[in-house]
Amino acid sequence: MKENFYLTIESMHLADRGGSYNALALNEDLLKKREIVMIDIYDDSDLKKSDITPETDPRIFQSKKTGRGKLTADWSKKSQQVMCCYKVVQIQFKMFGLQGLVERMCQKQYPRIFSKFNREAFCWIDKWYDMSMDDIRKMEHETALLLAKRIKDPEQRGIVCDVGDRNADSIRSDMSIG
């Protein structure tokens, strides 16, 4: 199965408002296939209610260290310091009868995952803003140890693919497309 499945995520962070046409230097074939999905951390429409907490809501949060925050609907047009994270997600799942269904289901999850992560990163700015490279490396090491421990723990954590958004008829229809 491993040669029939891959998922890659490439990222480029630029100090712009999302106007770079080809930030990840995609070839012409990939440019023709790409779908551009804008994710605004103010907008919570891609999130589940359980994803939204007062501690990770940029509409409520204000940084004590930088003064950034409480975001308003037009923050991305008015803020002086902005960054756009360009991402390319590529998924291939070669299994007859399931390929299209699995690939679409995976692609559907990314706006939620990226929105949740970037909202959290913004709201946790006071935790990381003053970190040195040594501090970052120490945190990465501690995180790697914690992750290795949690991988062995059967308790479910994180974001779970929400297939419940789709009805059974839709799934059966997708499966027959192949």
N, C-alpha and C. Protein backbone atom coordinates (compact mmCIF):
# COMPACT_ATOMS: atom_id res chain seq x y z
N MET A 1 0.82 -1.21 0.00
CA MET A 1 0.00 0.00 0.00
C MET A 1 0.85 1.25 0.00
N LYS A 2 2.04 1.20 0.64
CA LYS A 2 2.79 2.45 0.80
C LYS A 2 3.19 3.09 -0.53
N GLU A 3 3.42 2.30 -1.57
CA GLU A 3 3.76 2.92 -2.85
C GLU A 3 2.53 3.48 -3.55
N ASN A 4 1.35 3.15 -3.06
CA ASN A 4 0.11 3.64 -3.66
C ASN A 4 -0.52 4.80 -2.90
N PHE A 5 0.17 5.28 -1.89
CA PHE A 5 -0.37 6.40 -1.11
C PHE A 5 0.74 7.39 -0.80
N TYR A 6 0.48 8.64 -1.04
CA TYR A 6 1.36 9.68 -0.52
C TYR A 6 0.56 10.93 -0.25
N LEU A 7 1.07 11.70 0.67
CA LEU A 7 0.49 12.99 1.02
C LEU A 7 1.66 13.92 1.29
N THR A 8 1.73 15.02 0.58
CA THR A 8 2.78 16.00 0.82
C THR A 8 2.16 17.36 1.05
N ILE A 9 2.80 18.11 1.93
CA ILE A 9 2.39 19.49 2.17
C ILE A 9 3.65 20.34 2.08
N GLU A 10 3.66 21.25 1.13
CA GLU A 10 4.77 22.19 0.99
C GLU A 10 4.28 23.56 1.42
N SER A 11 5.15 24.31 2.09
CA SER A 11 4.75 25.64 2.59
C SER A 11 5.79 26.69 2.24
N MET A 12 5.31 27.90 2.05
CA MET A 12 6.16 29.07 1.87
C MET A 12 5.48 30.21 2.61
N HIS A 13 6.23 30.86 3.49
CA HIS A 13 5.68 31.99 4.26
C HIS A 13 6.27 33.28 3.70
N LEU A 14 5.39 34.18 3.28
CA LEU A 14 5.83 35.45 2.69
C LEU A 14 5.14 36.62 3.38
N ALA A 15 5.85 37.72 3.46
CA ALA A 15 5.28 38.94 4.05
C ALA A 15 4.44 39.66 3.00
N ASP A 16 3.31 39.05 2.66
CA ASP A 16 2.39 39.69 1.72
C ASP A 16 0.95 39.32 2.11
N ARG A 17 0.02 39.77 1.32
CA ARG A 17 -1.40 39.56 1.63
C ARG A 17 -2.03 38.48 0.75
N GLY A 18 -1.22 37.59 0.24
CA GLY A 18 -1.75 36.50 -0.57
C GLY A 18 -1.74 36.77 -2.05
N GLY A 19 -0.96 37.75 -2.49
CA GLY A 19 -0.97 38.13 -3.89
C GLY A 19 0.11 37.49 -4.76
N SER A 20 0.95 36.65 -4.20
CA SER A 20 2.00 36.00 -5.00
C SER A 20 1.38 34.90 -5.84
N TYR A 21 1.55 35.00 -7.14
CA TYR A 21 0.90 34.09 -8.08
C TYR A 21 1.40 32.65 -7.95
N ASN A 22 2.71 32.49 -7.78
CA ASN A 22 3.30 31.15 -7.78
C ASN A 22 4.39 31.07 -6.71
N ALA A 23 4.01 31.25 -5.47
CA ALA A 23 4.96 31.33 -4.36
C ALA A 23 5.78 30.06 -4.18
N LEU A 24 5.26 28.92 -4.58
CA LEU A 24 5.97 27.66 -4.40
C LEU A 24 6.60 27.15 -5.70
N ALA A 25 6.68 28.01 -6.70
CA ALA A 25 7.33 27.68 -7.98
C ALA A 25 6.81 26.36 -8.57
N LEU A 26 5.50 26.27 -8.68
CA LEU A 26 4.88 25.08 -9.26
C LEU A 26 5.11 25.05 -10.76
N ASN A 27 5.18 23.85 -11.32
CA ASN A 27 5.31 23.75 -12.77
C ASN A 27 3.96 24.03 -13.42
N GLU A 28 3.95 24.18 -14.74
CA GLU A 28 2.73 24.55 -15.46
C GLU A 28 1.60 23.54 -15.25
N ASP A 29 1.94 22.26 -15.22
CA ASP A 29 0.93 21.22 -15.03
C ASP A 29 0.24 21.38 -13.67
N LEU A 30 1.02 21.58 -12.62
CA LEU A 30 0.44 21.76 -11.29
C LEU A 30 -0.33 23.07 -11.17
N LEU A 31 0.16 24.12 -11.84
CA LEU A 31 -0.57 25.39 -11.81
C LEU A 31 -1.96 25.24 -12.41
N LYS A 32 -2.08 24.45 -13.47
CA LYS A 32 -3.39 24.24 -14.10
C LYS A 32 -4.33 23.45 -13.19
N LYS A 33 -3.78 22.56 -12.38
CA LYS A 33 -4.60 21.70 -11.51
C LYS A 33 -4.93 22.33 -10.17
N ARG A 34 -4.19 23.32 -9.77
CA ARG A 34 -4.34 23.82 -8.40
C ARG A 34 -5.69 24.49 -8.19
N GLU A 35 -6.12 24.41 -6.95
CA GLU A 35 -7.32 25.12 -6.49
C GLU A 35 -6.85 26.03 -5.37
N ILE A 36 -7.15 27.31 -5.47
CA ILE A 36 -6.73 28.26 -4.44
C ILE A 36 -7.83 28.38 -3.40
N VAL A 37 -7.46 28.14 -2.15
CA VAL A 37 -8.39 28.24 -1.03
C VAL A 37 -7.81 29.25 -0.06
N MET A 38 -8.49 30.37 0.09
CA MET A 38 -8.03 31.40 1.03
C MET A 38 -8.55 31.07 2.42
N ILE A 39 -7.66 31.09 3.39
CA ILE A 39 -8.04 30.84 4.78
C ILE A 39 -7.70 32.08 5.58
N ASP A 40 -8.70 32.65 6.21
CA ASP A 40 -8.54 33.84 7.04
C ASP A 40 -8.75 33.42 8.49
N ILE A 41 -7.76 33.66 9.36
CA ILE A 41 -7.87 33.19 10.74
C ILE A 41 -8.99 33.87 11.52
N TYR A 42 -9.51 34.96 11.01
CA TYR A 42 -10.67 35.59 11.64
C TYR A 42 -11.94 34.77 11.40
N ASP A 43 -12.03 34.19 10.22
CA ASP A 43 -13.21 33.45 9.79
C ASP A 43 -13.21 32.04 10.39
N ASP A 44 -14.25 31.71 11.12
CA ASP A 44 -14.30 30.38 11.74
C ASP A 44 -15.25 29.43 11.02
N SER A 45 -15.62 29.74 9.80
CA SER A 45 -16.62 28.93 9.09
C SER A 45 -16.12 27.53 8.73
N ASP A 46 -14.81 27.31 8.66
CA ASP A 46 -14.28 25.98 8.36
C ASP A 46 -14.15 25.12 9.62
N LEU A 47 -14.38 25.72 10.78
CA LEU A 47 -14.16 25.03 12.04
C LEU A 47 -15.43 24.42 12.61
N LYS A 48 -15.25 23.43 13.45
CA LYS A 48 -16.34 22.87 14.24
C LYS A 48 -16.44 23.69 15.52
N LYS A 49 -17.59 23.67 16.16
CA LYS A 49 -17.75 24.41 17.42
C LYS A 49 -16.72 23.98 18.45
N SER A 50 -16.39 22.70 18.46
CA SER A 50 -15.42 22.18 19.43
C SER A 50 -14.00 22.70 19.16
N ASP A 51 -13.74 23.21 17.96
CA ASP A 51 -12.42 23.76 17.62
C ASP A 51 -12.22 25.17 18.17
N ILE A 52 -13.30 25.84 18.52
CA ILE A 52 -13.25 27.26 18.89
C ILE A 52 -13.32 27.40 20.40
N THR A 53 -12.26 27.99 20.95
CA THR A 53 -12.23 28.28 22.39
C THR A 53 -11.85 29.74 22.57
N PRO A 54 -12.20 30.34 23.69
CA PRO A 54 -11.81 31.75 23.92
C PRO A 54 -10.28 31.94 23.87
N GLU A 55 -9.53 30.91 24.28
CA GLU A 55 -8.07 31.01 24.29
C GLU A 55 -7.46 30.99 22.89
N THR A 56 -8.19 30.48 21.92
CA THR A 56 -7.65 30.38 20.56
C THR A 56 -8.55 31.08 19.54
N ASP A 57 -9.24 32.10 19.99
CA ASP A 57 -10.10 32.88 19.09
C ASP A 57 -9.45 34.24 18.85
N PRO A 58 -8.94 34.49 17.64
CA PRO A 58 -8.26 35.76 17.35
C PRO A 58 -9.17 36.98 17.46
N ARG A 59 -10.47 36.77 17.52
CA ARG A 59 -11.40 37.89 17.70
C ARG A 59 -11.41 38.36 19.15
N ILE A 60 -11.00 37.48 20.05
CA ILE A 60 -11.00 37.77 21.48
C ILE A 60 -9.59 38.04 22.00
N PHE A 61 -8.61 37.29 21.50
CA PHE A 61 -7.24 37.34 22.00
C PHE A 61 -6.55 38.67 21.69
N GLN A 62 -5.78 39.15 22.66
CA GLN A 62 -4.88 40.28 22.42
C GLN A 62 -3.56 39.98 23.11
N SER A 63 -2.47 40.07 22.35
CA SER A 63 -1.14 39.77 22.86
C SER A 63 -0.69 40.83 23.86
N LYS A 64 -0.18 40.36 24.99
CA LYS A 64 0.39 41.27 25.98
C LYS A 64 1.78 41.74 25.55
N LYS A 65 2.49 40.91 24.77
CA LYS A 65 3.85 41.24 24.36
C LYS A 65 3.90 42.14 23.13
N THR A 66 2.99 41.93 22.18
CA THR A 66 3.07 42.67 20.91
C THR A 66 1.91 43.65 20.71
N GLY A 67 0.85 43.48 21.45
CA GLY A 67 -0.34 44.32 21.27
C GLY A 67 -1.22 43.86 20.12
N ARG A 68 -0.79 42.83 19.38
CA ARG A 68 -1.59 42.34 18.25
C ARG A 68 -2.87 41.69 18.76
N GLY A 69 -3.92 41.83 17.95
CA GLY A 69 -5.18 41.21 18.32
C GLY A 69 -6.13 42.28 18.81
N LYS A 70 -7.11 41.94 19.11
CA LYS A 70 -8.37 41.40 18.75
C LYS A 70 -8.61 41.70 17.27
N LEU A 71 -8.58 40.67 16.48
CA LEU A 71 -8.75 40.85 15.05
C LEU A 71 -10.18 41.24 14.70
N THR A 72 -10.29 42.07 13.68
CA THR A 72 -11.59 42.45 13.14
C THR A 72 -11.72 41.83 11.75
N ALA A 73 -12.89 41.86 11.18
CA ALA A 73 -13.13 41.22 9.89
C ALA A 73 -12.19 41.73 8.80
N ASP A 74 -11.76 42.98 8.89
CA ASP A 74 -10.89 43.56 7.85
C ASP A 74 -9.42 43.62 8.28
N TRP A 75 -9.03 42.83 9.25
CA TRP A 75 -7.66 42.87 9.78
C TRP A 75 -6.61 42.67 8.70
N SER A 76 -6.87 41.77 7.74
CA SER A 76 -5.85 41.46 6.74
C SER A 76 -5.62 42.61 5.75
N LYS A 77 -6.57 43.52 5.65
CA LYS A 77 -6.41 44.69 4.79
C LYS A 77 -5.79 45.86 5.55
N LYS A 78 -6.07 45.95 6.85
CA LYS A 78 -5.64 47.11 7.62
C LYS A 78 -4.35 46.91 8.41
N SER A 79 -4.02 45.69 8.76
CA SER A 79 -2.83 45.44 9.57
C SER A 79 -1.57 45.77 8.79
N GLN A 80 -0.60 46.33 9.49
CA GLN A 80 0.67 46.68 8.85
C GLN A 80 1.57 45.45 8.69
N GLN A 81 1.56 44.58 9.69
CA GLN A 81 2.39 43.39 9.65
C GLN A 81 1.51 42.18 9.34
N VAL A 82 1.67 41.66 8.13
CA VAL A 82 0.91 40.48 7.73
C VAL A 82 1.86 39.44 7.14
N MET A 83 1.41 38.21 7.17
CA MET A 83 2.16 37.13 6.57
C MET A 83 1.15 36.20 5.93
N CYS A 84 1.48 35.70 4.77
CA CYS A 84 0.64 34.71 4.11
C CYS A 84 1.44 33.41 4.05
N CYS A 85 0.80 32.35 4.44
CA CYS A 85 1.40 31.03 4.35
C CYS A 85 0.80 30.34 3.14
N TYR A 86 1.61 30.16 2.12
CA TYR A 86 1.17 29.47 0.91
C TYR A 86 1.42 27.98 1.11
N LYS A 87 0.46 27.16 0.77
CA LYS A 87 0.60 25.72 0.94
C LYS A 87 0.12 25.00 -0.32
N VAL A 88 0.81 23.93 -0.62
CA VAL A 88 0.38 23.03 -1.67
C VAL A 88 0.23 21.66 -1.02
N VAL A 89 -0.98 21.12 -1.10
CA VAL A 89 -1.26 19.79 -0.55
C VAL A 89 -1.47 18.86 -1.74
N GLN A 90 -0.70 17.79 -1.79
CA GLN A 90 -0.87 16.80 -2.85
C GLN A 90 -1.17 15.45 -2.20
N ILE A 91 -2.21 14.81 -2.67
CA ILE A 91 -2.64 13.53 -2.13
C ILE A 91 -2.82 12.56 -3.29
N GLN A 92 -2.31 11.36 -3.10
CA GLN A 92 -2.58 10.31 -4.07
C GLN A 92 -2.89 9.03 -3.29
N PHE A 93 -4.00 8.43 -3.60
CA PHE A 93 -4.44 7.20 -2.95
C PHE A 93 -4.90 6.27 -4.06
N LYS A 94 -4.00 5.38 -4.49
CA LYS A 94 -4.32 4.49 -5.61
C LYS A 94 -4.95 3.20 -5.09
N MET A 95 -6.26 3.18 -5.08
CA MET A 95 -6.99 1.96 -4.73
C MET A 95 -8.30 2.01 -5.49
N PHE A 96 -8.48 1.08 -6.38
CA PHE A 96 -9.64 1.07 -7.25
C PHE A 96 -10.92 1.15 -6.43
N GLY A 97 -11.80 2.05 -6.84
CA GLY A 97 -13.09 2.20 -6.19
C GLY A 97 -13.10 3.18 -5.02
N LEU A 98 -11.94 3.44 -4.45
CA LEU A 98 -11.87 4.34 -3.29
C LEU A 98 -11.03 5.58 -3.54
N GLN A 99 -10.27 5.61 -4.61
CA GLN A 99 -9.31 6.70 -4.83
C GLN A 99 -9.95 8.07 -4.75
N GLY A 100 -10.97 8.32 -5.53
CA GLY A 100 -11.59 9.64 -5.55
C GLY A 100 -12.19 10.02 -4.21
N LEU A 101 -12.87 9.08 -3.57
CA LEU A 101 -13.50 9.33 -2.28
C LEU A 101 -12.46 9.72 -1.23
N VAL A 102 -11.41 8.93 -1.11
CA VAL A 102 -10.39 9.19 -0.08
C VAL A 102 -9.66 10.49 -0.37
N GLU A 103 -9.29 10.73 -1.62
CA GLU A 103 -8.58 11.97 -1.96
C GLU A 103 -9.44 13.20 -1.67
N ARG A 104 -10.72 13.16 -2.04
CA ARG A 104 -11.61 14.30 -1.77
C ARG A 104 -11.84 14.49 -0.27
N MET A 105 -11.99 13.40 0.46
CA MET A 105 -12.21 13.49 1.89
C MET A 105 -10.98 14.11 2.58
N CYS A 106 -9.79 13.71 2.16
CA CYS A 106 -8.57 14.29 2.73
C CYS A 106 -8.48 15.78 2.40
N GLN A 107 -8.69 16.14 1.14
CA GLN A 107 -8.60 17.55 0.73
C GLN A 107 -9.62 18.40 1.49
N LYS A 108 -10.77 17.84 1.78
CA LYS A 108 -11.82 18.59 2.48
C LYS A 108 -11.41 18.95 3.90
N GLN A 109 -10.51 18.18 4.50
CA GLN A 109 -10.12 18.41 5.89
C GLN A 109 -9.10 19.54 6.05
N TYR A 110 -8.35 19.85 5.01
CA TYR A 110 -7.24 20.80 5.18
C TYR A 110 -7.64 22.22 5.52
N PRO A 111 -8.69 22.80 4.99
CA PRO A 111 -9.05 24.15 5.45
C PRO A 111 -9.28 24.20 6.96
N ARG A 112 -9.93 23.17 7.49
CA ARG A 112 -10.17 23.12 8.93
C ARG A 112 -8.85 23.00 9.70
N ILE A 113 -8.00 22.08 9.29
CA ILE A 113 -6.73 21.86 9.98
C ILE A 113 -5.87 23.12 9.95
N PHE A 114 -5.72 23.72 8.76
CA PHE A 114 -4.86 24.91 8.64
C PHE A 114 -5.45 26.09 9.39
N SER A 115 -6.76 26.26 9.33
CA SER A 115 -7.39 27.37 10.04
C SER A 115 -7.19 27.21 11.54
N LYS A 116 -7.45 26.04 12.06
CA LYS A 116 -7.29 25.79 13.50
C LYS A 116 -5.85 26.02 13.93
N PHE A 117 -4.90 25.46 13.19
CA PHE A 117 -3.48 25.60 13.55
C PHE A 117 -3.04 27.05 13.54
N ASN A 118 -3.37 27.79 12.50
CA ASN A 118 -2.90 29.17 12.39
C ASN A 118 -3.58 30.10 13.38
N ARG A 119 -4.82 29.83 13.73
CA ARG A 119 -5.49 30.59 14.79
C ARG A 119 -4.76 30.35 16.12
N GLU A 120 -4.41 29.09 16.38
CA GLU A 120 -3.70 28.77 17.62
C GLU A 120 -2.32 29.43 17.64
N ALA A 121 -1.59 29.36 16.53
CA ALA A 121 -0.26 29.98 16.47
C ALA A 121 -0.35 31.48 16.76
N PHE A 122 -1.35 32.14 16.19
CA PHE A 122 -1.53 33.57 16.44
C PHE A 122 -1.83 33.83 17.91
N CYS A 123 -2.73 33.06 18.47
CA CYS A 123 -3.16 33.29 19.86
C CYS A 123 -2.12 32.84 20.89
N TRP A 124 -1.16 32.05 20.47
CA TRP A 124 -0.09 31.62 21.37
C TRP A 124 1.17 32.45 21.19
N ILE A 125 1.08 33.58 20.51
CA ILE A 125 2.25 34.40 20.20
C ILE A 125 3.04 34.77 21.46
N ASP A 126 2.37 35.00 22.58
CA ASP A 126 3.08 35.36 23.80
C ASP A 126 3.95 34.22 24.33
N LYS A 127 3.66 33.00 23.91
CA LYS A 127 4.47 31.84 24.33
C LYS A 127 5.74 31.71 23.51
N TRP A 128 5.73 32.17 22.25
CA TRP A 128 6.88 31.93 21.39
C TRP A 128 7.57 33.20 20.89
N TYR A 129 7.00 34.34 21.08
CA TYR A 129 7.50 35.58 20.46
C TYR A 129 8.96 35.90 20.81
N ASP A 130 9.35 35.73 22.06
CA ASP A 130 10.71 36.08 22.50
C ASP A 130 11.68 34.90 22.50
N MET A 131 11.33 33.80 21.89
CA MET A 131 12.18 32.61 21.95
C MET A 131 13.43 32.77 21.11
N SER A 132 14.55 32.29 21.65
CA SER A 132 15.81 32.24 20.90
C SER A 132 15.83 30.92 20.11
N MET A 133 16.80 30.77 19.22
CA MET A 133 16.93 29.52 18.48
C MET A 133 17.18 28.35 19.43
N ASP A 134 17.96 28.58 20.49
CA ASP A 134 18.19 27.52 21.47
C ASP A 134 16.88 27.13 22.16
N ASP A 135 16.07 28.14 22.50
CA ASP A 135 14.77 27.86 23.11
C ASP A 135 13.89 27.04 22.17
N ILE A 136 13.92 27.40 20.89
CA ILE A 136 13.10 26.69 19.90
C ILE A 136 13.57 25.25 19.75
N ARG A 137 14.89 25.05 19.68
CA ARG A 137 15.42 23.69 19.55
C ARG A 137 15.07 22.84 20.78
N LYS A 138 15.14 23.44 21.95
CA LYS A 138 14.77 22.73 23.18
C LYS A 138 13.29 22.34 23.14
N MET A 139 12.45 23.27 22.73
CA MET A 139 11.02 23.00 22.63
C MET A 139 10.74 21.91 21.59
N GLU A 140 11.44 21.96 20.44
CA GLU A 140 11.27 20.93 19.42
C GLU A 140 11.63 19.55 19.96
N HIS A 141 12.74 19.48 20.71
CA HIS A 141 13.18 18.22 21.29
C HIS A 141 12.14 17.69 22.29
N GLU A 142 11.66 18.56 23.17
CA GLU A 142 10.64 18.16 24.15
C GLU A 142 9.35 17.72 23.45
N THR A 143 8.99 18.41 22.39
CA THR A 143 7.79 18.06 21.63
C THR A 143 7.96 16.70 20.96
N ALA A 144 9.15 16.44 20.40
CA ALA A 144 9.41 15.15 19.76
C ALA A 144 9.30 14.01 20.77
N LEU A 145 9.83 14.21 21.99
CA LEU A 145 9.72 13.18 23.03
C LEU A 145 8.26 12.94 23.42
N LEU A 146 7.52 14.03 23.58
CA LEU A 146 6.10 13.92 23.94
C LEU A 146 5.31 13.22 22.83
N LEU A 147 5.61 13.57 21.59
CA LEU A 147 4.92 12.95 20.46
C LEU A 147 5.21 11.45 20.40
N ALA A 148 6.46 11.07 20.58
CA ALA A 148 6.82 9.64 20.57
C ALA A 148 6.05 8.89 21.66
N LYS A 149 5.91 9.50 22.82
CA LYS A 149 5.16 8.89 23.92
C LYS A 149 3.67 8.78 23.57
N ARG A 150 3.12 9.84 23.00
CA ARG A 150 1.69 9.85 22.69
C ARG A 150 1.33 8.91 21.54
N ILE A 151 2.25 8.69 20.63
CA ILE A 151 1.99 7.77 19.52
C ILE A 151 1.71 6.37 20.07
N LYS A 152 2.38 6.01 21.15
CA LYS A 152 2.20 4.69 21.77
C LYS A 152 0.94 4.62 22.62
N ASP A 153 0.37 5.76 22.97
CA ASP A 153 -0.82 5.84 23.82
C ASP A 153 -2.07 5.72 22.93
N PRO A 154 -2.98 4.80 23.25
CA PRO A 154 -4.15 4.60 22.38
C PRO A 154 -5.21 5.70 22.46
N GLU A 155 -5.08 6.63 23.40
CA GLU A 155 -6.10 7.68 23.52
C GLU A 155 -6.11 8.54 22.26
N GLN A 156 -7.32 8.81 21.74
CA GLN A 156 -7.46 9.60 20.53
C GLN A 156 -7.32 11.09 20.86
N ARG A 157 -6.49 11.79 20.08
CA ARG A 157 -6.27 13.23 20.28
C ARG A 157 -6.31 13.93 18.93
N GLY A 158 -6.41 15.25 19.00
CA GLY A 158 -6.28 16.04 17.79
C GLY A 158 -7.57 16.14 17.00
N ILE A 159 -7.41 16.49 15.74
CA ILE A 159 -8.55 16.65 14.84
C ILE A 159 -8.85 15.31 14.20
N VAL A 160 -10.09 14.94 14.23
CA VAL A 160 -10.52 13.69 13.63
C VAL A 160 -11.29 14.02 12.36
N CYS A 161 -11.02 13.27 11.31
CA CYS A 161 -11.74 13.46 10.06
C CYS A 161 -13.23 13.31 10.33
N ASP A 162 -13.98 14.28 9.94
CA ASP A 162 -15.40 14.31 10.23
C ASP A 162 -16.19 13.83 9.03
N VAL A 163 -16.34 12.53 8.90
CA VAL A 163 -17.10 11.96 7.80
C VAL A 163 -18.59 12.21 8.00
N GLY A 164 -18.99 12.55 9.22
CA GLY A 164 -20.38 12.80 9.53
C GLY A 164 -20.99 13.96 8.76
N ASP A 165 -20.15 14.78 8.12
CA ASP A 165 -20.66 15.89 7.32
C ASP A 165 -21.33 15.40 6.05
N ARG A 166 -21.07 14.18 5.69
CA ARG A 166 -21.58 13.66 4.42
C ARG A 166 -22.61 12.58 4.70
N ASN A 167 -23.59 12.49 3.86
CA ASN A 167 -24.58 11.44 4.07
C ASN A 167 -24.17 10.16 3.35
N ALA A 168 -24.78 9.05 3.73
CA ALA A 168 -24.40 7.74 3.20
C ALA A 168 -24.60 7.67 1.69
N ASP A 169 -25.65 8.29 1.15
CA ASP A 169 -25.88 8.25 -0.29
C ASP A 169 -24.73 8.91 -1.04
N SER A 170 -24.23 10.01 -0.50
CA SER A 170 -23.12 10.72 -1.13
C SER A 170 -21.87 9.84 -1.15
N ILE A 171 -21.62 9.14 -0.05
CA ILE A 171 -20.44 8.27 0.02
C ILE A 171 -20.60 7.12 -0.96
N ARG A 172 -21.76 6.50 -1.02
CA ARG A 172 -21.97 5.41 -1.97
C ARG A 172 -21.78 5.90 -3.40
N SER A 173 -22.27 7.09 -3.70
CA SER A 173 -22.13 7.67 -5.03
C SER A 173 -20.66 7.87 -5.37
N ASP A 174 -19.89 8.42 -4.42
CA ASP A 174 -18.47 8.63 -4.65
C ASP A 174 -17.74 7.31 -4.88
N MET A 175 -18.12 6.29 -4.13
CA MET A 175 -17.43 5.01 -4.24
C MET A 175 -17.68 4.38 -5.60
N SER A 176 -18.82 4.62 -6.19
CA SER A 176 -19.11 4.01 -7.48
C SER A 176 -18.40 4.73 -8.62
N ILE A 177 -17.95 5.94 -8.38
CA ILE A 177 -17.26 6.70 -9.43
C ILE A 177 -15.90 6.09 -9.70
N GLY A 178 -15.16 5.75 -8.61
CA GLY A 178 -13.85 5.11 -8.72
C GLY A 178 -12.90 6.04 -9.26
